Amino acid sequence: MKVLAINNIVRKDVPIYYRRLFTGIVVLELMKDSVERRIDFSIENKPTGAKEMSVTFLDTVDYPLIPLTREVKKFIDHLDVNGGLPS
């Protein structure tokens, strides 16, 4: 399993400045097939400086969710650090 990309990322307006909500389409490589699934994800900055992320799959995925969610969170963190998320 590999996360190839997250396309069509749109930031939702939230009045809380330390919480950012997004929607997008994640492109996954599952067992040599490329699969697209809709997701919602959020990034919240804690007072300690730590980031807390959550990912919700809006479409069903035929793969264990714990490792899939972990890999998607790593990809989102990489996007966030490198400026790949809309502001």
PDB file of N, CA and C in Angstrom:
ATOM      1  N   MET A   1       0.838  -1.172   0.000  1.00  0.00           N
ATOM      2  CA  MET A   1       0.000   0.000   0.000  1.00  0.00           C
ATOM      3  C   MET A   1       0.886   1.240   0.000  1.00  0.00           C
ATOM      4  N   LYS A   2       0.503   2.180  -0.861  1.00  0.00           N
ATOM      5  CA  LYS A   2       1.274   3.413  -0.975  1.00  0.00           C
ATOM      6  C   LYS A   2       0.328   4.559  -1.309  1.00  0.00           C
ATOM      7  N   VAL A   3       0.560   5.714  -0.692  1.00  0.00           N
ATOM      8  CA  VAL A   3      -0.196   6.921  -1.015  1.00  0.00           C
ATOM      9  C   VAL A   3       0.541   7.626  -2.147  1.00  0.00           C
ATOM     10  N   LEU A   4      -0.124   7.769  -3.278  1.00  0.00           N
ATOM     11  CA  LEU A   4       0.504   8.401  -4.439  1.00  0.00           C
ATOM     12  C   LEU A   4       0.312   9.905  -4.451  1.00  0.00           C
ATOM     13  N   ALA A   5      -0.893  10.374  -4.097  1.00  0.00           N
ATOM     14  CA  ALA A   5      -1.178  11.815  -4.133  1.00  0.00           C
ATOM     15  C   ALA A   5      -2.481  12.093  -3.410  1.00  0.00           C
ATOM     16  N   ILE A   6      -2.690  13.359  -3.098  1.00  0.00           N
ATOM     17  CA  ILE A   6      -3.994  13.838  -2.643  1.00  0.00           C
ATOM     18  C   ILE A   6      -4.364  14.978  -3.577  1.00  0.00           C
ATOM     19  N   ASN A   7      -5.416  14.787  -4.345  1.00  0.00           N
ATOM     20  CA  ASN A   7      -5.841  15.751  -5.362  1.00  0.00           C
ATOM     21  C   ASN A   7      -7.057  16.537  -4.890  1.00  0.00           C
ATOM     22  N   ASN A   8      -7.298  17.658  -5.550  1.00  0.00           N
ATOM     23  CA  ASN A   8      -8.479  18.498  -5.307  1.00  0.00           C
ATOM     24  C   ASN A   8      -8.634  18.863  -3.834  1.00  0.00           C
ATOM     25  N   ILE A   9      -7.566  19.280  -3.207  1.00  0.00           N
ATOM     26  CA  ILE A   9      -7.618  19.655  -1.794  1.00  0.00           C
ATOM     27  C   ILE A   9      -8.288  21.020  -1.682  1.00  0.00           C
ATOM     28  N   VAL A  10      -9.333  21.082  -0.857  1.00  0.00           N
ATOM     29  CA  VAL A  10     -10.074  22.324  -0.627  1.00  0.00           C
ATOM     30  C   VAL A  10     -10.126  22.563   0.873  1.00  0.00           C
ATOM     31  N   ARG A  11      -9.769  23.773   1.282  1.00  0.00           N
ATOM     32  CA  ARG A  11      -9.831  24.122   2.705  1.00  0.00           C
ATOM     33  C   ARG A  11     -11.209  24.658   3.035  1.00  0.00           C
ATOM     34  N   LYS A  12     -11.775  24.161   4.132  1.00  0.00           N
ATOM     35  CA  LYS A  12     -13.072  24.635   4.603  1.00  0.00           C
ATOM     36  C   LYS A  12     -12.848  25.791   5.572  1.00  0.00           C
ATOM     37  N   ASP A  13     -13.766  26.749   5.564  1.00  0.00           N
ATOM     38  CA  ASP A  13     -13.668  27.879   6.490  1.00  0.00           C
ATOM     39  C   ASP A  13     -14.098  27.449   7.882  1.00  0.00           C
ATOM     40  N   VAL A  14     -13.219  27.702   8.847  1.00  0.00           N
ATOM     41  CA  VAL A  14     -13.482  27.374  10.245  1.00  0.00           C
ATOM     42  C   VAL A  14     -13.103  28.594  11.079  1.00  0.00           C
ATOM     43  N   PRO A  15     -13.969  29.037  11.988  1.00  0.00           N
ATOM     44  CA  PRO A  15     -13.650  30.235  12.777  1.00  0.00           C
ATOM     45  C   PRO A  15     -12.553  30.029  13.818  1.00  0.00           C
ATOM     46  N   ILE A  16     -12.139  28.799  14.048  1.00  0.00           N
ATOM     47  CA  ILE A  16     -11.083  28.518  15.025  1.00  0.00           C
ATOM     48  C   ILE A  16      -9.739  28.553  14.299  1.00  0.00           C
ATOM     49  N   TYR A  17      -8.867  29.491  14.651  1.00  0.00           N
ATOM     50  CA  TYR A  17      -7.643  29.725  13.887  1.00  0.00           C
ATOM     51  C   TYR A  17      -6.629  28.585  13.984  1.00  0.00           C
ATOM     52  N   TYR A  18      -6.648  27.779  15.044  1.00  0.00           N
ATOM     53  CA  TYR A  18      -5.651  26.727  15.215  1.00  0.00           C
ATOM     54  C   TYR A  18      -6.109  25.382  14.646  1.00  0.00           C
ATOM     55  N   ARG A  19      -7.267  25.378  14.009  1.00  0.00           N
ATOM     56  CA  ARG A  19      -7.781  24.141  13.414  1.00  0.00           C
ATOM     57  C   ARG A  19      -8.063  24.371  11.935  1.00  0.00           C
ATOM     58  N   ARG A  20      -7.535  23.491  11.093  1.00  0.00           N
ATOM     59  CA  ARG A  20      -7.735  23.596   9.652  1.00  0.00           C
ATOM     60  C   ARG A  20      -8.425  22.329   9.143  1.00  0.00           C
ATOM     61  N   LEU A  21      -9.510  22.497   8.406  1.00  0.00           N
ATOM     62  CA  LEU A  21     -10.261  21.377   7.845  1.00  0.00           C
ATOM     63  C   LEU A  21     -10.124  21.372   6.329  1.00  0.00           C
ATOM     64  N   PHE A  22      -9.984  20.178   5.763  1.00  0.00           N
ATOM     65  CA  PHE A  22      -9.802  20.031   4.325  1.00  0.00           C
ATOM     66  C   PHE A  22     -10.630  18.867   3.802  1.00  0.00           C
ATOM     67  N   THR A  23     -10.910  18.897   2.498  1.00  0.00           N
ATOM     68  CA  THR A  23     -11.447  17.739   1.785  1.00  0.00           C
ATOM     69  C   THR A  23     -10.531  17.492   0.602  1.00  0.00           C
ATOM     70  N   GLY A  24     -10.552  16.272   0.105  1.00  0.00           N
ATOM     71  CA  GLY A  24      -9.717  15.950  -1.039  1.00  0.00           C
ATOM     72  C   GLY A  24      -9.976  14.545  -1.525  1.00  0.00           C
ATOM     73  N   ILE A  25      -9.234  14.164  -2.535  1.00  0.00           N
ATOM     74  CA  ILE A  25      -9.327  12.821  -3.100  1.00  0.00           C
ATOM     75  C   ILE A  25      -7.936  12.203  -3.003  1.00  0.00           C
ATOM     76  N   VAL A  26      -7.831  11.128  -2.228  1.00  0.00           N
ATOM     77  CA  VAL A  26      -6.549  10.459  -2.055  1.00  0.00           C
ATOM     78  C   VAL A  26      -6.415   9.376  -3.127  1.00  0.00           C
ATOM     79  N   VAL A  27      -5.227   9.317  -3.725  1.00  0.00           N
ATOM     80  CA  VAL A  27      -4.921   8.304  -4.736  1.00  0.00           C
ATOM     81  C   VAL A  27      -3.998   7.282  -4.077  1.00  0.00           C
ATOM     82  N   LEU A  28      -4.461   6.039  -4.013  1.00  0.00           N
ATOM     83  CA  LEU A  28      -3.742   4.969  -3.332  1.00  0.00           C
ATOM     84  C   LEU A  28      -3.334   3.893  -4.318  1.00  0.00           C
ATOM     85  N   GLU A  29      -2.214   3.255  -4.033  1.00  0.00           N
ATOM     86  CA  GLU A  29      -1.821   2.058  -4.772  1.00  0.00           C
ATOM     87  C   GLU A  29      -2.045   0.881  -3.836  1.00  0.00           C
ATOM     88  N   LEU A  30      -3.088   0.113  -4.122  1.00  0.00           N
ATOM     89  CA  LEU A  30      -3.434  -1.051  -3.317  1.00  0.00           C
ATOM     90  C   LEU A  30      -3.321  -2.296  -4.184  1.00  0.00           C
ATOM     91  N   MET A  31      -2.385  -3.158  -3.844  1.00  0.00           N
ATOM     92  CA  MET A  31      -2.193  -4.414  -4.568  1.00  0.00           C
ATOM     93  C   MET A  31      -2.087  -4.195  -6.077  1.00  0.00           C
ATOM     94  N   LYS A  32      -1.198  -3.297  -6.486  1.00  0.00           N
ATOM     95  CA  LYS A  32      -0.894  -2.984  -7.892  1.00  0.00           C
ATOM     96  C   LYS A  32      -2.020  -2.262  -8.630  1.00  0.00           C
ATOM     97  N   ASP A  33      -3.090  -1.880  -7.948  1.00  0.00           N
ATOM     98  CA  ASP A  33      -4.178  -1.114  -8.552  1.00  0.00           C
ATOM     99  C   ASP A  33      -4.170   0.302  -7.992  1.00  0.00           C
ATOM    100  N   SER A  34      -4.494   1.265  -8.830  1.00  0.00           N
ATOM    101  CA  SER A  34      -4.622   2.644  -8.387  1.00  0.00           C
ATOM    102  C   SER A  34      -6.088   2.905  -8.047  1.00  0.00           C
ATOM    103  N   VAL A  35      -6.335   3.401  -6.832  1.00  0.00           N
ATOM    104  CA  VAL A  35      -7.684   3.601  -6.319  1.00  0.00           C
ATOM    105  C   VAL A  35      -7.808   5.032  -5.816  1.00  0.00           C
ATOM    106  N   GLU A  36      -8.940   5.682  -6.098  1.00  0.00           N
ATOM    107  CA  GLU A  36      -9.204   7.026  -5.590  1.00  0.00           C
ATOM    108  C   GLU A  36     -10.356   6.973  -4.598  1.00  0.00           C
ATOM    109  N   ARG A  37     -10.189   7.631  -3.475  1.00  0.00           N
ATOM    110  CA  ARG A  37     -11.221   7.689  -2.446  1.00  0.00           C
ATOM    111  C   ARG A  37     -11.312   9.106  -1.899  1.00  0.00           C
ATOM    112  N   ARG A  38     -12.529   9.559  -1.608  1.00  0.00           N
ATOM    113  CA  ARG A  38     -12.737  10.888  -1.017  1.00  0.00           C
ATOM    114  C   ARG A  38     -12.407  10.834   0.472  1.00  0.00           C
ATOM    115  N   ILE A  39     -11.781  11.911   0.965  1.00  0.00           N
ATOM    116  CA  ILE A  39     -11.443  11.992   2.385  1.00  0.00           C
ATOM    117  C   ILE A  39     -11.736  13.393   2.915  1.00  0.00           C
ATOM    118  N   ASP A  40     -11.949  13.460   4.213  1.00  0.00           N
ATOM    119  CA  ASP A  40     -11.945  14.698   4.989  1.00  0.00           C
ATOM    120  C   ASP A  40     -10.785  14.558   5.964  1.00  0.00           C
ATOM    121  N   PHE A  41     -10.031  15.630   6.170  1.00  0.00           N
ATOM    122  CA  PHE A  41      -8.973  15.565   7.172  1.00  0.00           C
ATOM    123  C   PHE A  41      -8.827  16.916   7.845  1.00  0.00           C
ATOM    124  N   SER A  42      -8.315  16.861   9.065  1.00  0.00           N
ATOM    125  CA  SER A  42      -8.107  18.089   9.832  1.00  0.00           C
ATOM    126  C   SER A  42      -6.720  18.072  10.453  1.00  0.00           C
ATOM    127  N   ILE A  43      -6.191  19.275  10.647  1.00  0.00           N
ATOM    128  CA  ILE A  43      -4.911  19.457  11.331  1.00  0.00           C
ATOM    129  C   ILE A  43      -5.159  20.485  12.430  1.00  0.00           C
ATOM    130  N   GLU A  44      -4.865  20.091  13.655  1.00  0.00           N
ATOM    131  CA  GLU A  44      -5.067  20.984  14.799  1.00  0.00           C
ATOM    132  C   GLU A  44      -3.735  21.199  15.493  1.00  0.00           C
ATOM    133  N   ASN A  45      -3.381  22.452  15.700  1.00  0.00           N
ATOM    134  CA  ASN A  45      -2.150  22.793  16.417  1.00  0.00           C
ATOM    135  C   ASN A  45      -2.474  22.930  17.894  1.00  0.00           C
ATOM    136  N   LYS A  46      -1.831  22.104  18.694  1.00  0.00           N
ATOM    137  CA  LYS A  46      -2.040  22.113  20.142  1.00  0.00           C
ATOM    138  C   LYS A  46      -1.222  23.236  20.787  1.00  0.00           C
ATOM    139  N   PRO A  47      -1.573  23.671  21.995  1.00  0.00           N
ATOM    140  CA  PRO A  47      -0.815  24.718  22.682  1.00  0.00           C
ATOM    141  C   PRO A  47       0.650  24.340  22.929  1.00  0.00           C
ATOM    142  N   THR A  48       0.932  23.046  22.972  1.00  0.00           N
ATOM    143  CA  THR A  48       2.312  22.591  23.195  1.00  0.00           C
ATOM    144  C   THR A  48       3.146  22.636  21.927  1.00  0.00           C
ATOM    145  N   GLY A  49       2.510  22.942  20.779  1.00  0.00           N
ATOM    146  CA  GLY A  49       3.218  22.979  19.510  1.00  0.00           C
ATOM    147  C   GLY A  49       3.052  21.715  18.689  1.00  0.00           C
ATOM    148  N   ALA A  50       2.477  20.682  19.288  1.00  0.00           N
ATOM    149  CA  ALA A  50       2.267  19.418  18.572  1.00  0.00           C
ATOM    150  C   ALA A  50       1.088  19.545  17.611  1.00  0.00           C
ATOM    151  N   LYS A  51       1.127  18.740  16.563  1.00  0.00           N
ATOM    152  CA  LYS A  51       0.030  18.692  15.602  1.00  0.00           C
ATOM    153  C   LYS A  51      -0.780  17.424  15.849  1.00  0.00           C
ATOM    154  N   GLU A  52      -2.086  17.565  15.777  1.00  0.00           N
ATOM    155  CA  GLU A  52      -2.968  16.405  15.867  1.00  0.00           C
ATOM    156  C   GLU A  52      -3.756  16.339  14.563  1.00  0.00           C
ATOM    157  N   MET A  53      -3.692  15.193  13.897  1.00  0.00           N
ATOM    158  CA  MET A  53      -4.383  15.018  12.619  1.00  0.00           C
ATOM    159  C   MET A  53      -5.447  13.951  12.745  1.00  0.00           C
ATOM    160  N   SER A  54      -6.516  14.161  11.993  1.00  0.00           N
ATOM    161  CA  SER A  54      -7.534  13.123  11.879  1.00  0.00           C
ATOM    162  C   SER A  54      -7.911  12.990  10.409  1.00  0.00           C
ATOM    163  N   VAL A  55      -8.201  11.760   9.998  1.00  0.00           N
ATOM    164  CA  VAL A  55      -8.559  11.453   8.618  1.00  0.00           C
ATOM    165  C   VAL A  55      -9.834  10.631   8.637  1.00  0.00           C
ATOM    166  N   THR A  56     -10.794  11.024   7.798  1.00  0.00           N
ATOM    167  CA  THR A  56     -12.047  10.286   7.654  1.00  0.00           C
ATOM    168  C   THR A  56     -12.219   9.917   6.188  1.00  0.00           C
ATOM    169  N   PHE A  57     -12.391   8.625   5.932  1.00  0.00           N
ATOM    170  CA  PHE A  57     -12.637   8.152   4.569  1.00  0.00           C
ATOM    171  C   PHE A  57     -14.133   8.214   4.299  1.00  0.00           C
ATOM    172  N   LEU A  58     -14.525   8.927   3.255  1.00  0.00           N
ATOM    173  CA  LEU A  58     -15.939   9.073   2.913  1.00  0.00           C
ATOM    174  C   LEU A  58     -16.424   7.929   2.027  1.00  0.00           C
ATOM    175  N   ASP A  59     -15.500   7.224   1.384  1.00  0.00           N
ATOM    176  CA  ASP A  59     -15.820   6.057   0.567  1.00  0.00           C
ATOM    177  C   ASP A  59     -15.206   4.830   1.229  1.00  0.00           C
ATOM    178  N   THR A  60     -15.779   3.663   0.950  1.00  0.00           N
ATOM    179  CA  THR A  60     -15.248   2.432   1.537  1.00  0.00           C
ATOM    180  C   THR A  60     -13.913   2.071   0.887  1.00  0.00           C
ATOM    181  N   VAL A  61     -13.060   1.463   1.700  1.00  0.00           N
ATOM    182  CA  VAL A  61     -11.743   1.041   1.239  1.00  0.00           C
ATOM    183  C   VAL A  61     -11.563  -0.418   1.639  1.00  0.00           C
ATOM    184  N   ASP A  62     -11.130  -1.239   0.703  1.00  0.00           N
ATOM    185  CA  ASP A  62     -10.895  -2.655   0.979  1.00  0.00           C
ATOM    186  C   ASP A  62      -9.450  -2.866   1.422  1.00  0.00           C
ATOM    187  N   TYR A  63      -9.132  -2.296   2.562  1.00  0.00           N
ATOM    188  CA  TYR A  63      -7.786  -2.401   3.120  1.00  0.00           C
ATOM    189  C   TYR A  63      -7.910  -2.073   4.608  1.00  0.00           C
ATOM    190  N   PRO A  64      -7.083  -2.653   5.462  1.00  0.00           N
ATOM    191  CA  PRO A  64      -7.148  -2.323   6.903  1.00  0.00           C
ATOM    192  C   PRO A  64      -6.957  -0.826   7.144  1.00  0.00           C
ATOM    193  N   LEU A  65      -7.835  -0.237   7.922  1.00  0.00           N
ATOM    194  CA  LEU A  65      -7.853   1.213   8.083  1.00  0.00           C
ATOM    195  C   LEU A  65      -6.708   1.780   8.927  1.00  0.00           C
ATOM    196  N   ILE A  66      -6.224   1.038   9.890  1.00  0.00           N
ATOM    197  CA  ILE A  66      -5.176   1.584  10.763  1.00  0.00           C
ATOM    198  C   ILE A  66      -3.887   1.863   9.988  1.00  0.00           C
ATOM    199  N   PRO A  67      -3.335   0.896   9.234  1.00  0.00           N
ATOM    200  CA  PRO A  67      -2.122   1.238   8.479  1.00  0.00           C
ATOM    201  C   PRO A  67      -2.385   2.244   7.360  1.00  0.00           C
ATOM    202  N   LEU A  68      -3.571   2.181   6.768  1.00  0.00           N
ATOM    203  CA  LEU A  68      -3.913   3.125   5.702  1.00  0.00           C
ATOM    204  C   LEU A  68      -3.987   4.547   6.243  1.00  0.00           C
ATOM    205  N   THR A  69      -4.642   4.729   7.372  1.00  0.00           N
ATOM    206  CA  THR A  69      -4.761   6.041   7.998  1.00  0.00           C
ATOM    207  C   THR A  69      -3.387   6.578   8.406  1.00  0.00           C
ATOM    208  N   ARG A  70      -2.538   5.700   8.932  1.00  0.00           N
ATOM    209  CA  ARG A  70      -1.183   6.112   9.334  1.00  0.00           C
ATOM    210  C   ARG A  70      -0.399   6.645   8.135  1.00  0.00           C
ATOM    211  N   GLU A  71      -0.461   5.967   6.995  1.00  0.00           N
ATOM    212  CA  GLU A  71       0.267   6.399   5.808  1.00  0.00           C
ATOM    213  C   GLU A  71      -0.299   7.701   5.234  1.00  0.00           C
ATOM    214  N   VAL A  72      -1.618   7.851   5.266  1.00  0.00           N
ATOM    215  CA  VAL A  72      -2.236   9.085   4.776  1.00  0.00           C
ATOM    216  C   VAL A  72      -1.839  10.260   5.677  1.00  0.00           C
ATOM    217  N   LYS A  73      -1.796  10.057   6.978  1.00  0.00           N
ATOM    218  CA  LYS A  73      -1.373  11.115   7.902  1.00  0.00           C
ATOM    219  C   LYS A  73       0.078  11.530   7.652  1.00  0.00           C
ATOM    220  N   LYS A  74       0.951  10.560   7.378  1.00  0.00           N
ATOM    221  CA  LYS A  74       2.345  10.882   7.059  1.00  0.00           C
ATOM    222  C   LYS A  74       2.419  11.730   5.788  1.00  0.00           C
ATOM    223  N   PHE A  75       1.609  11.369   4.795  1.00  0.00           N
ATOM    224  CA  PHE A  75       1.606  12.112   3.535  1.00  0.00           C
ATOM    225  C   PHE A  75       1.083  13.528   3.749  1.00  0.00           C
ATOM    226  N   ILE A  76       0.034  13.671   4.545  1.00  0.00           N
ATOM    227  CA  ILE A  76      -0.527  14.989   4.842  1.00  0.00           C
ATOM    228  C   ILE A  76       0.493  15.840   5.596  1.00  0.00           C
ATOM    229  N   ASP A  77       1.198  15.249   6.556  1.00  0.00           N
ATOM    230  CA  ASP A  77       2.219  15.989   7.305  1.00  0.00           C
ATOM    231  C   ASP A  77       3.327  16.462   6.367  1.00  0.00           C
ATOM    232  N   HIS A  78       3.720  15.616   5.435  1.00  0.00           N
ATOM    233  CA  HIS A  78       4.736  15.998   4.447  1.00  0.00           C
ATOM    234  C   HIS A  78       4.249  17.181   3.602  1.00  0.00           C
ATOM    235  N   LEU A  79       2.988  17.134   3.166  1.00  0.00           N
ATOM    236  CA  LEU A  79       2.409  18.242   2.402  1.00  0.00           C
ATOM    237  C   LEU A  79       2.400  19.522   3.230  1.00  0.00           C
ATOM    238  N   ASP A  80       2.015  19.412   4.491  1.00  0.00           N
ATOM    239  CA  ASP A  80       1.912  20.582   5.362  1.00  0.00           C
ATOM    240  C   ASP A  80       3.280  21.221   5.596  1.00  0.00           C
ATOM    241  N   VAL A  81       4.280  20.423   5.841  1.00  0.00           N
ATOM    242  CA  VAL A  81       5.623  20.946   6.101  1.00  0.00           C
ATOM    243  C   VAL A  81       6.200  21.610   4.860  1.00  0.00           C
ATOM    244  N   ASN A  82       5.909  21.064   3.682  1.00  0.00           N
ATOM    245  CA  ASN A  82       6.477  21.583   2.435  1.00  0.00           C
ATOM    246  C   ASN A  82       5.582  22.583   1.718  1.00  0.00           C
ATOM    247  N   GLY A  83       4.515  23.031   2.356  1.00  0.00           N
ATOM    248  CA  GLY A  83       3.662  24.055   1.771  1.00  0.00           C
ATOM    249  C   GLY A  83       2.725  23.563   0.680  1.00  0.00           C
ATOM    250  N   GLY A  84       2.362  22.293   0.702  1.00  0.00           N
ATOM    251  CA  GLY A  84       1.507  21.734  -0.334  1.00  0.00           C
ATOM    252  C   GLY A  84       0.020  21.818  -0.046  1.00  0.00           C
ATOM    253  N   LEU A  85      -0.352  22.381   1.107  1.00  0.00           N
ATOM    254  CA  LEU A  85      -1.768  22.527   1.448  1.00  0.00           C
ATOM    255  C   LEU A  85      -2.210  23.965   1.200  1.00  0.00           C
ATOM    256  N   PRO A  86      -3.469  24.141   0.741  1.00  0.00           N
ATOM    257  CA  PRO A  86      -3.940  25.514   0.527  1.00  0.00           C
ATOM    258  C   PRO A  86      -4.066  26.289   1.835  1.00  0.00           C
ATOM    259  N   SER A  87      -3.803  27.580   1.775  1.00  0.00           N
ATOM    260  CA  SER A  87      -3.889  28.400   2.988  1.00  0.00           C
ATOM    261  C   SER A  87      -5.200  29.126   3.095  1.00  0.00           C
TER     262      SER A  87
END
